[in-house]
Amino acid sequence: MGNPAMVKRKATEKRRKRFEDRLGPGAYLPKAEREKVNAALEKADAEEKARLAERAKKAAANQAAKKAKRMAAKGQPKEKAPAAEGK
């Protein structure tokens, strides 16, 4: 049959999970704690965006360097391999 207290706790946890899925993390928390959670999440998002921007900047710089190297190599005459002697 089951323990009625456990059934009620499970239902409460499911309800909280649905609220959190719909409204965002910490939706069931008191206002003061929810604001702390939201502030921490915003800070983490800002750090992630900054990290991704820095990564994209480095990738663009690397790509530009590779392109410049290719263009410099393209302008120079190619060295020929030494011919085989005594043929």
Protein backbone atom coordinates (compact mmCIF):
# COMPACT_ATOMS: atom_id res chain seq x y z
CA MET A 1 0.00 0.00 0.00
CA GLY A 2 2.70 2.47 0.91
CA ASN A 3 3.49 5.03 3.52
CA PRO A 4 1.13 8.01 3.14
CA ALA A 5 3.85 10.42 4.28
CA MET A 6 6.19 9.20 1.54
CA VAL A 7 3.45 9.46 -1.08
CA LYS A 8 2.79 13.08 -0.05
CA ARG A 9 6.53 13.91 -0.09
CA LYS A 10 6.91 12.38 -3.56
CA ALA A 11 3.97 14.40 -4.85
CA THR A 12 5.47 17.57 -3.39
CA GLU A 13 8.85 16.86 -5.01
CA LYS A 14 7.20 16.24 -8.38
CA ARG A 15 5.23 19.48 -8.10
CA ARG A 16 8.37 21.43 -7.21
CA LYS A 17 10.22 19.86 -10.12
CA ARG A 18 7.45 20.87 -12.55
CA PHE A 19 7.46 24.42 -11.17
CA GLU A 20 11.22 24.61 -11.53
CA ASP A 21 11.10 23.28 -15.10
CA ARG A 22 8.46 25.83 -16.04
CA LEU A 23 9.58 28.88 -14.07
CA GLY A 24 13.32 28.41 -13.77
CA PRO A 25 15.65 27.25 -11.03
CA GLY A 26 14.72 28.14 -7.47
CA ALA A 27 11.06 28.86 -8.28
CA TYR A 28 9.92 27.15 -5.08
CA LEU A 29 12.42 28.97 -2.85
CA PRO A 30 11.57 31.98 -0.68
CA LYS A 31 12.10 35.33 -2.40
CA ALA A 32 15.40 36.22 -0.69
CA GLU A 33 16.98 32.86 -1.47
CA ARG A 34 15.57 32.87 -5.01
CA GLU A 35 17.22 36.25 -5.65
CA LYS A 36 20.56 34.84 -4.45
CA VAL A 37 20.21 31.84 -6.77
CA ASN A 38 19.27 34.06 -9.71
CA ALA A 39 22.20 36.38 -9.03
CA ALA A 40 24.59 33.43 -8.95
CA LEU A 41 23.15 32.08 -12.20
CA GLU A 42 23.44 35.47 -13.92
CA LYS A 43 27.06 35.75 -12.78
CA ALA A 44 27.82 32.28 -14.12
CA ASP A 45 26.13 33.13 -17.44
CA ALA A 46 28.15 36.34 -17.76
CA GLU A 47 31.40 34.46 -17.07
CA GLU A 48 30.47 31.82 -19.66
CA LYS A 49 29.69 34.47 -22.28
CA ALA A 50 33.01 36.21 -21.58
CA ARG A 51 34.87 32.90 -21.87
CA LEU A 52 33.17 32.08 -25.16
CA ALA A 53 33.86 35.57 -26.52
CA GLU A 54 37.55 35.22 -25.60
CA ARG A 55 37.65 31.79 -27.25
CA ALA A 56 36.08 33.14 -30.43
CA LYS A 57 38.54 36.04 -30.43
CA LYS A 58 41.49 33.65 -30.16
CA ALA A 59 40.08 31.44 -32.92
CA ALA A 60 39.67 34.45 -35.22
CA ALA A 61 43.24 35.56 -34.49
CA ASN A 62 44.58 32.08 -35.21
CA GLN A 63 42.63 31.88 -38.45
CA ALA A 64 43.92 35.30 -39.55
CA ALA A 65 47.49 34.24 -38.74
CA LYS A 66 47.10 31.05 -40.77
CA LYS A 67 45.68 33.00 -43.69
CA ALA A 68 48.54 35.50 -43.58
CA LYS A 69 51.04 32.65 -43.47
CA ARG A 70 49.42 30.98 -46.49
CA MET A 71 49.41 34.25 -48.43
CA ALA A 72 53.08 34.86 -47.61
CA ALA A 73 54.00 31.35 -48.68
CA LYS A 74 51.99 31.70 -51.87
CA GLY A 75 53.95 34.81 -52.93
CA GLN A 76 57.36 33.13 -52.57
CA PRO A 77 58.72 30.85 -55.30
CA LYS A 78 58.74 27.20 -54.39
CA GLU A 79 62.07 25.51 -53.90
CA LYS A 80 62.68 22.66 -56.28
CA ALA A 81 63.84 19.31 -55.01
CA PRO A 82 67.45 18.49 -55.92
CA ALA A 83 67.72 16.42 -59.09
CA ALA A 84 68.98 12.89 -58.79
CA GLU A 85 72.61 12.60 -59.96
CA GLY A 86 74.13 9.80 -61.98
CA LYS A 87 71.05 8.71 -63.79
